[in-house]
PDB file of N, CA and C in Angstrom:
ATOM      1  N   MET A   1     112.028  95.721 118.189  1.00  0.00           N
ATOM      2  CA  MET A   1     111.247  96.944 118.296  1.00  0.00           C
ATOM      3  C   MET A   1     109.764  96.580 118.408  1.00  0.00           C
ATOM      4  N   LYS A   2     109.103  97.122 119.418  1.00  0.00           N
ATOM      5  CA  LYS A   2     107.677  96.865 119.645  1.00  0.00           C
ATOM      6  C   LYS A   2     106.844  97.712 118.683  1.00  0.00           C
ATOM      7  N   THR A   3     105.747  97.117 118.219  1.00  0.00           N
ATOM      8  CA  THR A   3     104.853  97.794 117.279  1.00  0.00           C
ATOM      9  C   THR A   3     103.549  98.161 117.981  1.00  0.00           C
ATOM     10  N   ILE A   4     103.136  99.405 117.792  1.00  0.00           N
ATOM     11  CA  ILE A   4     101.902  99.923 118.384  1.00  0.00           C
ATOM     12  C   ILE A   4     100.946 100.303 117.260  1.00  0.00           C
ATOM     13  N   LEU A   5      99.704  99.837 117.337  1.00  0.00           N
ATOM     14  CA  LEU A   5      98.647 100.232 116.406  1.00  0.00           C
ATOM     15  C   LEU A   5      97.840 101.337 117.066  1.00  0.00           C
ATOM     16  N   ILE A   6      97.766 102.479 116.403  1.00  0.00           N
ATOM     17  CA  ILE A   6      96.981 103.610 116.900  1.00  0.00           C
ATOM     18  C   ILE A   6      95.721 103.711 116.057  1.00  0.00           C
ATOM     19  N   VAL A   7      94.563 103.677 116.729  1.00  0.00           N
ATOM     20  CA  VAL A   7      93.278 103.766 116.039  1.00  0.00           C
ATOM     21  C   VAL A   7      92.563 105.007 116.550  1.00  0.00           C
ATOM     22  N   ASP A   8      92.506 106.026 115.703  1.00  0.00           N
ATOM     23  CA  ASP A   8      91.862 107.294 116.081  1.00  0.00           C
ATOM     24  C   ASP A   8      91.411 107.991 114.810  1.00  0.00           C
ATOM     25  N   ASP A   9      90.210 108.556 114.828  1.00  0.00           N
ATOM     26  CA  ASP A   9      89.678 109.208 113.628  1.00  0.00           C
ATOM     27  C   ASP A   9      90.246 110.609 113.424  1.00  0.00           C
ATOM     28  N   GLU A  10      90.911 111.167 114.427  1.00  0.00           N
ATOM     29  CA  GLU A  10      91.472 112.517 114.296  1.00  0.00           C
ATOM     30  C   GLU A  10      92.919 112.432 113.817  1.00  0.00           C
ATOM     31  N   GLU A  11      93.157 112.960 112.617  1.00  0.00           N
ATOM     32  CA  GLU A  11      94.479 112.868 112.014  1.00  0.00           C
ATOM     33  C   GLU A  11      95.555 113.515 112.884  1.00  0.00           C
ATOM     34  N   ASN A  12      95.258 114.681 113.456  1.00  0.00           N
ATOM     35  CA  ASN A  12      96.270 115.367 114.271  1.00  0.00           C
ATOM     36  C   ASN A  12      96.662 114.541 115.500  1.00  0.00           C
ATOM     37  N   ILE A  13      95.715 113.812 116.056  1.00  0.00           N
ATOM     38  CA  ILE A  13      96.011 112.933 117.197  1.00  0.00           C
ATOM     39  C   ILE A  13      96.894 111.777 116.743  1.00  0.00           C
ATOM     40  N   ARG A  14      96.537 111.159 115.613  1.00  0.00           N
ATOM     41  CA  ARG A  14      97.348 110.046 115.092  1.00  0.00           C
ATOM     42  C   ARG A  14      98.791 110.495 114.853  1.00  0.00           C
ATOM     43  N   ILE A  15      98.955 111.667 114.249  1.00  0.00           N
ATOM     44  CA  ILE A  15     100.297 112.179 113.949  1.00  0.00           C
ATOM     45  C   ILE A  15     101.066 112.460 115.244  1.00  0.00           C
ATOM     46  N   LEU A  16     100.412 113.103 116.218  1.00  0.00           N
ATOM     47  CA  LEU A  16     101.045 113.392 117.505  1.00  0.00           C
ATOM     48  C   LEU A  16     101.505 112.099 118.174  1.00  0.00           C
ATOM     49  N   TYR A  17     100.605 111.124 118.281  1.00  0.00           N
ATOM     50  CA  TYR A  17     100.944 109.854 118.922  1.00  0.00           C
ATOM     51  C   TYR A  17     102.083 109.164 118.179  1.00  0.00           C
ATOM     52  N   LYS A  18     102.011 109.166 116.837  1.00  0.00           N
ATOM     53  CA  LYS A  18     103.050 108.501 116.050  1.00  0.00           C
ATOM     54  C   LYS A  18     104.412 109.128 116.315  1.00  0.00           C
ATOM     55  N   GLU A  19     104.479 110.452 116.271  1.00  0.00           N
ATOM     56  CA  GLU A  19     105.755 111.138 116.493  1.00  0.00           C
ATOM     57  C   GLU A  19     106.297 110.880 117.898  1.00  0.00           C
ATOM     58  N   GLU A  20     105.422 110.997 118.879  1.00  0.00           N
ATOM     59  CA  GLU A  20     105.845 110.813 120.268  1.00  0.00           C
ATOM     60  C   GLU A  20     106.296 109.377 120.535  1.00  0.00           C
ATOM     61  N   LEU A  21     105.549 108.408 120.011  1.00  0.00           N
ATOM     62  CA  LEU A  21     105.887 107.008 120.276  1.00  0.00           C
ATOM     63  C   LEU A  21     107.088 106.553 119.448  1.00  0.00           C
ATOM     64  N   ALA A  22     107.234 107.104 118.254  1.00  0.00           N
ATOM     65  CA  ALA A  22     108.425 106.796 117.442  1.00  0.00           C
ATOM     66  C   ALA A  22     109.674 107.310 118.163  1.00  0.00           C
ATOM     67  N   ASP A  23     109.563 108.471 118.793  1.00  0.00           N
ATOM     68  CA  ASP A  23     110.676 109.023 119.568  1.00  0.00           C
ATOM     69  C   ASP A  23     111.050 108.124 120.750  1.00  0.00           C
ATOM     70  N   GLU A  24     110.065 107.354 121.230  1.00  0.00           N
ATOM     71  CA  GLU A  24     110.307 106.425 122.336  1.00  0.00           C
ATOM     72  C   GLU A  24     110.869 105.092 121.835  1.00  0.00           C
ATOM     73  N   GLY A  25     110.983 104.955 120.506  1.00  0.00           N
ATOM     74  CA  GLY A  25     111.565 103.741 119.947  1.00  0.00           C
ATOM     75  C   GLY A  25     110.566 102.698 119.471  1.00  0.00           C
ATOM     76  N   TYR A  26     109.289 103.084 119.384  1.00  0.00           N
ATOM     77  CA  TYR A  26     108.271 102.149 118.909  1.00  0.00           C
ATOM     78  C   TYR A  26     108.076 102.268 117.398  1.00  0.00           C
ATOM     79  N   ASN A  27     107.726 101.160 116.774  1.00  0.00           N
ATOM     80  CA  ASN A  27     107.247 101.168 115.395  1.00  0.00           C
ATOM     81  C   ASN A  27     105.746 101.450 115.489  1.00  0.00           C
ATOM     82  N   VAL A  28     105.222 102.377 114.711  1.00  0.00           N
ATOM     83  CA  VAL A  28     103.823 102.790 114.844  1.00  0.00           C
ATOM     84  C   VAL A  28     103.064 102.564 113.546  1.00  0.00           C
ATOM     85  N   ILE A  29     101.890 101.929 113.672  1.00  0.00           N
ATOM     86  CA  ILE A  29     100.969 101.732 112.552  1.00  0.00           C
ATOM     87  C   ILE A  29      99.737 102.574 112.852  1.00  0.00           C
ATOM     88  N   LEU A  30      99.199 103.241 111.833  1.00  0.00           N
ATOM     89  CA  LEU A  30      98.028 104.103 112.030  1.00  0.00           C
ATOM     90  C   LEU A  30      96.795 103.548 111.339  1.00  0.00           C
ATOM     91  N   ALA A  31      95.645 103.715 111.994  1.00  0.00           N
ATOM     92  CA  ALA A  31      94.351 103.386 111.400  1.00  0.00           C
ATOM     93  C   ALA A  31      93.386 104.494 111.796  1.00  0.00           C
ATOM     94  N   SER A  32      92.589 104.966 110.834  1.00  0.00           N
ATOM     95  CA  SER A  32      91.692 106.092 111.116  1.00  0.00           C
ATOM     96  C   SER A  32      90.303 105.660 111.580  1.00  0.00           C
ATOM     97  N   ASN A  33      90.034 104.353 111.577  1.00  0.00           N
ATOM     98  CA  ASN A  33      88.745 103.854 112.062  1.00  0.00           C
ATOM     99  C   ASN A  33      88.854 102.357 112.376  1.00  0.00           C
ATOM    100  N   GLY A  34      87.767 101.818 112.886  1.00  0.00           N
ATOM    101  CA  GLY A  34      87.754 100.410 113.276  1.00  0.00           C
ATOM    102  C   GLY A  34      87.956  99.459 112.119  1.00  0.00           C
ATOM    103  N   TYR A  35      87.411  99.793 110.973  1.00  0.00           N
ATOM    104  CA  TYR A  35      87.542  98.914 109.807  1.00  0.00           C
ATOM    105  C   TYR A  35      88.996  98.836 109.333  1.00  0.00           C
ATOM    106  N   GLU A  36      89.672  99.990 109.306  1.00  0.00           N
ATOM    107  CA  GLU A  36      91.097  99.996 108.936  1.00  0.00           C
ATOM    108  C   GLU A  36      91.905  99.186 109.943  1.00  0.00           C
ATOM    109  N   ALA A  37      91.567  99.310 111.210  1.00  0.00           N
ATOM    110  CA  ALA A  37      92.280  98.563 112.251  1.00  0.00           C
ATOM    111  C   ALA A  37      92.126  97.063 112.035  1.00  0.00           C
ATOM    112  N   LEU A  38      90.922  96.613 111.695  1.00  0.00           N
ATOM    113  CA  LEU A  38      90.706  95.187 111.446  1.00  0.00           C
ATOM    114  C   LEU A  38      91.501  94.709 110.237  1.00  0.00           C
ATOM    115  N   GLU A  39      91.609  95.564 109.210  1.00  0.00           N
ATOM    116  CA  GLU A  39      92.433  95.218 108.041  1.00  0.00           C
ATOM    117  C   GLU A  39      93.893  95.031 108.451  1.00  0.00           C
ATOM    118  N   VAL A  40      94.390  95.933 109.292  1.00  0.00           N
ATOM    119  CA  VAL A  40      95.762  95.817 109.780  1.00  0.00           C
ATOM    120  C   VAL A  40      95.923  94.503 110.551  1.00  0.00           C
ATOM    121  N   LEU A  41      94.945  94.191 111.416  1.00  0.00           N
ATOM    122  CA  LEU A  41      95.032  92.992 112.248  1.00  0.00           C
ATOM    123  C   LEU A  41      94.939  91.700 111.432  1.00  0.00           C
ATOM    124  N   ASN A  42      94.420  91.796 110.214  1.00  0.00           N
ATOM    125  CA  ASN A  42      94.376  90.616 109.350  1.00  0.00           C
ATOM    126  C   ASN A  42      95.761  90.242 108.836  1.00  0.00           C
ATOM    127  N   THR A  43      96.680  91.206 108.817  1.00  0.00           N
ATOM    128  CA  THR A  43      98.001  90.935 108.247  1.00  0.00           C
ATOM    129  C   THR A  43      99.153  91.134 109.238  1.00  0.00           C
ATOM    130  N   GLN A  44      98.903  91.842 110.340  1.00  0.00           N
ATOM    131  CA  GLN A  44      99.973  92.133 111.291  1.00  0.00           C
ATOM    132  C   GLN A  44      99.476  91.932 112.718  1.00  0.00           C
ATOM    133  N   LYS A  45     100.406  91.692 113.619  1.00  0.00           N
ATOM    134  CA  LYS A  45     100.050  91.552 115.032  1.00  0.00           C
ATOM    135  C   LYS A  45     100.873  92.541 115.851  1.00  0.00           C
ATOM    136  N   PRO A  46     100.285  93.701 116.136  1.00  0.00           N
ATOM    137  CA  PRO A  46     101.015  94.683 116.946  1.00  0.00           C
ATOM    138  C   PRO A  46     101.191  94.182 118.377  1.00  0.00           C
ATOM    139  N   ASP A  47     102.123  94.784 119.080  1.00  0.00           N
ATOM    140  CA  ASP A  47     102.361  94.421 120.476  1.00  0.00           C
ATOM    141  C   ASP A  47     101.349  95.073 121.414  1.00  0.00           C
ATOM    142  N   ALA A  48     100.740  96.172 120.963  1.00  0.00           N
ATOM    143  CA  ALA A  48      99.709  96.856 121.745  1.00  0.00           C
ATOM    144  C   ALA A  48      98.881  97.727 120.805  1.00  0.00           C
ATOM    145  N   ILE A  49      97.666  98.060 121.269  1.00  0.00           N
ATOM    146  CA  ILE A  49      96.757  98.909 120.498  1.00  0.00           C
ATOM    147  C   ILE A  49      96.332 100.076 121.376  1.00  0.00           C
ATOM    148  N   ILE A  50      96.401 101.287 120.809  1.00  0.00           N
ATOM    149  CA  ILE A  50      95.858 102.477 121.469  1.00  0.00           C
ATOM    150  C   ILE A  50      94.601 102.838 120.699  1.00  0.00           C
ATOM    151  N   LEU A  51      93.482 102.865 121.403  1.00  0.00           N
ATOM    152  CA  LEU A  51      92.180 102.907 120.752  1.00  0.00           C
ATOM    153  C   LEU A  51      91.316 104.056 121.248  1.00  0.00           C
ATOM    154  N   ASP A  52      90.818 104.840 120.312  1.00  0.00           N
ATOM    155  CA  ASP A  52      89.848 105.900 120.610  1.00  0.00           C
ATOM    156  C   ASP A  52      88.467 105.252 120.716  1.00  0.00           C
ATOM    157  N   ILE A  53      87.530 105.890 121.395  1.00  0.00           N
ATOM    158  CA  ILE A  53      86.181 105.337 121.507  1.00  0.00           C
ATOM    159  C   ILE A  53      85.256 105.907 120.445  1.00  0.00           C
ATOM    160  N   LYS A  54      85.163 107.249 120.401  1.00  0.00           N
ATOM    161  CA  LYS A  54      84.205 107.876 119.481  1.00  0.00           C
ATOM    162  C   LYS A  54      84.813 108.034 118.097  1.00  0.00           C
ATOM    163  N   MET A  55      84.362 107.156 117.185  1.00  0.00           N
ATOM    164  CA  MET A  55      84.817 107.215 115.797  1.00  0.00           C
ATOM    165  C   MET A  55      83.618 106.907 114.909  1.00  0.00           C
ATOM    166  N   PRO A  56      83.583 107.486 113.711  1.00  0.00           N
ATOM    167  CA  PRO A  56      82.478 107.185 112.796  1.00  0.00           C
ATOM    168  C   PRO A  56      82.558 105.741 112.297  1.00  0.00           C
ATOM    169  N   GLY A  57      81.433 105.190 111.936  1.00  0.00           N
ATOM    170  CA  GLY A  57      81.397 103.811 111.442  1.00  0.00           C
ATOM    171  C   GLY A  57      81.397 102.845 112.607  1.00  0.00           C
ATOM    172  N   MET A  58      82.540 102.269 112.898  1.00  0.00           N
ATOM    173  CA  MET A  58      82.680 101.354 114.025  1.00  0.00           C
ATOM    174  C   MET A  58      83.398 102.072 115.162  1.00  0.00           C
ATOM    175  N   ASP A  59      82.729 102.186 116.304  1.00  0.00           N
ATOM    176  CA  ASP A  59      83.368 102.880 117.426  1.00  0.00           C
ATOM    177  C   ASP A  59      84.343 101.947 118.152  1.00  0.00           C
ATOM    178  N   GLY A  60      85.087 102.512 119.069  1.00  0.00           N
ATOM    179  CA  GLY A  60      86.100 101.766 119.792  1.00  0.00           C
ATOM    180  C   GLY A  60      85.547 100.647 120.658  1.00  0.00           C
ATOM    181  N   VAL A  61      84.331 100.827 121.182  1.00  0.00           N
ATOM    182  CA  VAL A  61      83.704  99.793 122.008  1.00  0.00           C
ATOM    183  C   VAL A  61      83.487  98.526 121.178  1.00  0.00           C
ATOM    184  N   ASN A  62      82.910  98.692 119.992  1.00  0.00           N
ATOM    185  CA  ASN A  62      82.667  97.535 119.126  1.00  0.00           C
ATOM    186  C   ASN A  62      83.965  96.924 118.618  1.00  0.00           C
ATOM    187  N   LEU A  63      84.945  97.761 118.313  1.00  0.00           N
ATOM    188  CA  LEU A  63      86.232  97.249 117.844  1.00  0.00           C
ATOM    189  C   LEU A  63      86.909  96.444 118.951  1.00  0.00           C
ATOM    190  N   LEU A  64      86.886  96.951 120.171  1.00  0.00           N
ATOM    191  CA  LEU A  64      87.484  96.226 121.292  1.00  0.00           C
ATOM    192  C   LEU A  64      86.829  94.852 121.442  1.00  0.00           C
ATOM    193  N   LYS A  65      85.519  94.817 121.335  1.00  0.00           N
ATOM    194  CA  LYS A  65      84.787  93.547 121.437  1.00  0.00           C
ATOM    195  C   LYS A  65      85.243  92.581 120.337  1.00  0.00           C
ATOM    196  N   LEU A  66      85.350  93.075 119.101  1.00  0.00           N
ATOM    197  CA  LEU A  66      85.795  92.222 117.990  1.00  0.00           C
ATOM    198  C   LEU A  66      87.232  91.735 118.191  1.00  0.00           C
ATOM    199  N   ILE A  67      88.091  92.611 118.675  1.00  0.00           N
ATOM    200  CA  ILE A  67      89.494  92.230 118.920  1.00  0.00           C
ATOM    201  C   ILE A  67      89.539  91.101 119.947  1.00  0.00           C
ATOM    202  N   LYS A  68      88.767  91.237 121.006  1.00  0.00           N
ATOM    203  CA  LYS A  68      88.787  90.240 122.077  1.00  0.00           C
ATOM    204  C   LYS A  68      88.134  88.925 121.636  1.00  0.00           C
ATOM    205  N   GLU A  69      87.211  88.977 120.678  1.00  0.00           N
ATOM    206  CA  GLU A  69      86.567  87.762 120.169  1.00  0.00           C
ATOM    207  C   GLU A  69      87.467  87.003 119.194  1.00  0.00           C
ATOM    208  N   ARG A  70      88.398  87.721 118.575  1.00  0.00           N
ATOM    209  CA  ARG A  70      89.287  87.121 117.581  1.00  0.00           C
ATOM    210  C   ARG A  70      90.534  86.568 118.249  1.00  0.00           C
ATOM    211  N   LYS A  71      91.432  86.075 117.459  1.00  0.00           N
ATOM    212  CA  LYS A  71      92.683  85.529 117.986  1.00  0.00           C
ATOM    213  C   LYS A  71      93.578  86.608 118.586  1.00  0.00           C
ATOM    214  N   GLU A  72      93.226  87.869 118.392  1.00  0.00           N
ATOM    215  CA  GLU A  72      94.040  88.980 118.914  1.00  0.00           C
ATOM    216  C   GLU A  72      93.718  89.305 120.368  1.00  0.00           C
ATOM    217  N   ASP A  73      93.007  88.419 121.050  1.00  0.00           N
ATOM    218  CA  ASP A  73      92.606  88.751 122.421  1.00  0.00           C
ATOM    219  C   ASP A  73      93.778  88.866 123.384  1.00  0.00           C
ATOM    220  N   ASP A  74      94.980  88.458 122.933  1.00  0.00           N
ATOM    221  CA  ASP A  74      96.148  88.597 123.797  1.00  0.00           C
ATOM    222  C   ASP A  74      96.901  89.912 123.563  1.00  0.00           C
ATOM    223  N   ILE A  75      96.434  90.717 122.616  1.00  0.00           N
ATOM    224  CA  ILE A  75      97.062  92.022 122.375  1.00  0.00           C
ATOM    225  C   ILE A  75      96.499  93.015 123.395  1.00  0.00           C
ATOM    226  N   PRO A  76      97.363  93.634 124.193  1.00  0.00           N
ATOM    227  CA  PRO A  76      96.849  94.608 125.157  1.00  0.00           C
ATOM    228  C   PRO A  76      96.306  95.858 124.460  1.00  0.00           C
ATOM    229  N   VAL A  77      95.196  96.361 124.997  1.00  0.00           N
ATOM    230  CA  VAL A  77      94.540  97.536 124.425  1.00  0.00           C
ATOM    231  C   VAL A  77      94.482  98.634 125.479  1.00  0.00           C
ATOM    232  N   ILE A  78      94.908  99.823 125.070  1.00  0.00           N
ATOM    233  CA  ILE A  78      94.781 101.013 125.916  1.00  0.00           C
ATOM    234  C   ILE A  78      93.714 101.895 125.284  1.00  0.00           C
ATOM    235  N   ILE A  79      92.658 102.152 126.019  1.00  0.00           N
ATOM    236  CA  ILE A  79      91.615 103.074 125.558  1.00  0.00           C
ATOM    237  C   ILE A  79      92.107 104.486 125.859  1.00  0.00           C
ATOM    238  N   CYS A  80      92.050 105.342 124.861  1.00  0.00           N
ATOM    239  CA  CYS A  80      92.472 106.729 125.031  1.00  0.00           C
ATOM    240  C   CYS A  80      91.357 107.603 124.462  1.00  0.00           C
ATOM    241  N   SER A  81      90.565 108.169 125.346  1.00  0.00           N
ATOM    242  CA  SER A  81      89.381 108.909 124.919  1.00  0.00           C
ATOM    243  C   SER A  81      89.308 110.271 125.580  1.00  0.00           C
ATOM    244  N   ALA A  82      88.678 111.195 124.897  1.00  0.00           N
ATOM    245  CA  ALA A  82      88.456 112.527 125.467  1.00  0.00           C
ATOM    246  C   ALA A  82      87.300 112.505 126.462  1.00  0.00           C
ATOM    247  N   TYR A  83      86.569 111.397 126.522  1.00  0.00           N
ATOM    248  CA  TYR A  83      85.344 111.313 127.319  1.00  0.00           C
ATOM    249  C   TYR A  83      85.544 110.421 128.534  1.00  0.00           C
ATOM    250  N   GLU A  84      85.665 111.048 129.690  1.00  0.00           N
ATOM    251  CA  GLU A  84      85.916 110.304 130.920  1.00  0.00           C
ATOM    252  C   GLU A  84      84.716 109.452 131.334  1.00  0.00           C
ATOM    253  N   GLU A  85      83.498 109.829 130.916  1.00  0.00           N
ATOM    254  CA  GLU A  85      82.315 109.089 131.356  1.00  0.00           C
ATOM    255  C   GLU A  85      82.290 107.640 130.863  1.00  0.00           C
ATOM    256  N   TYR A  86      83.043 107.335 129.822  1.00  0.00           N
ATOM    257  CA  TYR A  86      83.079 105.958 129.329  1.00  0.00           C
ATOM    258  C   TYR A  86      83.861 105.038 130.259  1.00  0.00           C
ATOM    259  N   LYS A  87      84.599 105.616 131.197  1.00  0.00           N
ATOM    260  CA  LYS A  87      85.414 104.827 132.118  1.00  0.00           C
ATOM    261  C   LYS A  87      84.582 103.793 132.867  1.00  0.00           C
ATOM    262  N   GLN A  88      83.329 104.105 133.098  1.00  0.00           N
ATOM    263  CA  GLN A  88      82.455 103.212 133.858  1.00  0.00           C
ATOM    264  C   GLN A  88      81.766 102.166 132.970  1.00  0.00           C
ATOM    265  N   ASP A  89      81.981 102.229 131.665  1.00  0.00           N
ATOM    266  CA  ASP A  89      81.330 101.309 130.731  1.00  0.00           C
ATOM    267  C   ASP A  89      81.926  99.916 130.899  1.00  0.00           C
ATOM    268  N   PHE A  90      81.110  98.985 131.346  1.00  0.00           N
ATOM    269  CA  PHE A  90      81.562  97.620 131.618  1.00  0.00           C
ATOM    270  C   PHE A  90      82.222  96.970 130.408  1.00  0.00           C
ATOM    271  N   SER A  91      81.735  97.284 129.212  1.00  0.00           N
ATOM    272  CA  SER A  91      82.275  96.650 128.008  1.00  0.00           C
ATOM    273  C   SER A  91      83.722  97.068 127.731  1.00  0.00           C
ATOM    274  N   LEU A  92      84.189  98.132 128.374  1.00  0.00           N
ATOM    275  CA  LEU A  92      85.564  98.579 128.175  1.00  0.00           C
ATOM    276  C   LEU A  92      86.533  97.988 129.201  1.00  0.00           C
ATOM    277  N   TRP A  93      86.017  97.191 130.124  1.00  0.00           N
ATOM    278  CA  TRP A  93      86.880  96.615 131.147  1.00  0.00           C
ATOM    279  C   TRP A  93      87.839  95.595 130.558  1.00  0.00           C
ATOM    280  N   ALA A  94      87.610  95.181 129.321  1.00  0.00           N
ATOM    281  CA  ALA A  94      88.520  94.245 128.655  1.00  0.00           C
ATOM    282  C   ALA A  94      89.825  94.929 128.267  1.00  0.00           C
ATOM    283  N   SER A  95      89.852  96.253 128.334  1.00  0.00           N
ATOM    284  CA  SER A  95      91.090  96.975 128.005  1.00  0.00           C
ATOM    285  C   SER A  95      92.020  96.956 129.219  1.00  0.00           C
ATOM    286  N   GLU A  96      93.305  97.117 128.961  1.00  0.00           N
ATOM    287  CA  GLU A  96      94.293  97.122 130.035  1.00  0.00           C
ATOM    288  C   GLU A  96      94.343  98.452 130.770  1.00  0.00           C
ATOM    289  N   GLU A  97      93.945  99.509 130.084  1.00  0.00           N
ATOM    290  CA  GLU A  97      94.079 100.845 130.665  1.00  0.00           C
ATOM    291  C   GLU A  97      93.073 101.774 129.997  1.00  0.00           C
ATOM    292  N   TYR A  98      92.598 102.767 130.749  1.00  0.00           N
ATOM    293  CA  TYR A  98      91.711 103.799 130.202  1.00  0.00           C
ATOM    294  C   TYR A  98      92.359 105.136 130.533  1.00  0.00           C
ATOM    295  N   ILE A  99      92.725 105.869 129.509  1.00  0.00           N
ATOM    296  CA  ILE A  99      93.402 107.154 129.694  1.00  0.00           C
ATOM    297  C   ILE A  99      92.573 108.247 129.031  1.00  0.00           C
ATOM    298  N   VAL A 100      92.390 109.348 129.743  1.00  0.00           N
ATOM    299  CA  VAL A 100      91.689 110.492 129.169  1.00  0.00           C
ATOM    300  C   VAL A 100      92.690 111.262 128.313  1.00  0.00           C
ATOM    301  N   LYS A 101      92.287 111.567 127.066  1.00  0.00           N
ATOM    302  CA  LYS A 101      93.181 112.250 126.121  1.00  0.00           C
ATOM    303  C   LYS A 101      93.708 113.550 126.698  1.00  0.00           C
ATOM    304  N   SER A 102      94.978 113.774 126.393  1.00  0.00           N
ATOM    305  CA  SER A 102      95.645 114.977 126.861  1.00  0.00           C
ATOM    306  C   SER A 102      96.812 115.243 125.923  1.00  0.00           C
ATOM    307  N   ALA A 103      97.250 116.483 125.861  1.00  0.00           N
ATOM    308  CA  ALA A 103      98.438 116.804 125.065  1.00  0.00           C
ATOM    309  C   ALA A 103      99.684 116.226 125.725  1.00  0.00           C
ATOM    310  N   ASP A 104      99.580 115.962 127.026  1.00  0.00           N
ATOM    311  CA  ASP A 104     100.673 115.341 127.764  1.00  0.00           C
ATOM    312  C   ASP A 104     100.514 113.822 127.666  1.00  0.00           C
ATOM    313  N   LEU A 105     101.447 113.163 126.993  1.00  0.00           N
ATOM    314  CA  LEU A 105     101.338 111.727 126.753  1.00  0.00           C
ATOM    315  C   LEU A 105     102.081 110.887 127.797  1.00  0.00           C
ATOM    316  N   THR A 106     102.424 111.492 128.921  1.00  0.00           N
ATOM    317  CA  THR A 106     103.173 110.786 129.961  1.00  0.00           C
ATOM    318  C   THR A 106     102.430 109.545 130.447  1.00  0.00           C
ATOM    319  N   LYS A 107     101.126 109.668 130.732  1.00  0.00           N
ATOM    320  CA  LYS A 107     100.352 108.518 131.229  1.00  0.00           C
ATOM    321  C   LYS A 107     100.310 107.403 130.193  1.00  0.00           C
ATOM    322  N   MET A 108     100.117 107.764 128.928  1.00  0.00           N
ATOM    323  CA  MET A 108     100.059 106.766 127.870  1.00  0.00           C
ATOM    324  C   MET A 108     101.395 106.032 127.750  1.00  0.00           C
ATOM    325  N   LYS A 109     102.480 106.798 127.755  1.00  0.00           N
ATOM    326  CA  LYS A 109     103.814 106.198 127.628  1.00  0.00           C
ATOM    327  C   LYS A 109     104.110 105.289 128.819  1.00  0.00           C
ATOM    328  N   SER A 110     103.734 105.715 130.005  1.00  0.00           N
ATOM    329  CA  SER A 110     103.940 104.897 131.206  1.00  0.00           C
ATOM    330  C   SER A 110     103.127 103.606 131.127  1.00  0.00           C
ATOM    331  N   ALA A 111     101.883 103.729 130.671  1.00  0.00           N
ATOM    332  CA  ALA A 111     101.029 102.545 130.540  1.00  0.00           C
ATOM    333  C   ALA A 111     101.621 101.568 129.528  1.00  0.00           C
ATOM    334  N   LEU A 112     102.108 102.084 128.404  1.00  0.00           N
ATOM    335  CA  LEU A 112     102.732 101.217 127.393  1.00  0.00           C
ATOM    336  C   LEU A 112     103.952 100.503 127.969  1.00  0.00           C
ATOM    337  N   LYS A 113     104.803 101.242 128.653  1.00  0.00           N
ATOM    338  CA  LYS A 113     106.014 100.632 129.228  1.00  0.00           C
ATOM    339  C   LYS A 113     105.644  99.531 130.222  1.00  0.00           C
ATOM    340  N   ARG A 114     104.624  99.799 131.048  1.00  0.00           N
ATOM    341  CA  ARG A 114     104.202  98.818 132.048  1.00  0.00           C
ATOM    342  C   ARG A 114     103.604  97.575 131.375  1.00  0.00           C
ATOM    343  N   ILE A 115     102.716  97.794 130.412  1.00  0.00           N
ATOM    344  CA  ILE A 115     102.033  96.694 129.735  1.00  0.00           C
ATOM    345  C   ILE A 115     102.998  95.855 128.897  1.00  0.00           C
ATOM    346  N   LEU A 116     103.923  96.541 128.218  1.00  0.00           N
ATOM    347  CA  LEU A 116     104.870  95.839 127.349  1.00  0.00           C
ATOM    348  C   LEU A 116     106.140  95.425 128.092  1.00  0.00           C
ATOM    349  N   LYS A 117     106.190  95.787 129.373  1.00  0.00           N
ATOM    350  CA  LYS A 117     107.346  95.469 130.214  1.00  0.00           C
ATOM    351  C   LYS A 117     108.654  95.956 129.595  1.00  0.00           C
ATOM    352  N   ASP A 118     108.606  97.182 129.044  1.00  0.00           N
ATOM    353  CA  ASP A 118     109.803  97.802 128.457  1.00  0.00           C
ATOM    354  C   ASP A 118     110.705  98.367 129.539  1.00  0.00           C
TER     355      ASP A 118
END
């Protein structure tokens, strides 16, 4: 079973993603900010990370940079943000995919299947 780490400061989004991805057969770990995500990465290695950009404390841009600088640089990251303008941010090109948040998780699920070769 593949494990997905979801990093998003909005609880309702985390719950939605967890339920939807669990239904797809994934094991899901939740983190509400970048610091929690780093704590998870100190003890576990998920198969993929779904990452929000705008979060208090450490935003997704800085977290992505830290992930890529650490030994976790082989973990694929999907950026999932409500803000399409970040798509052009060069620092986010290290992610495998950039998806604009939507209640329809079809694009996210397709990206996960493609990246994880499920």
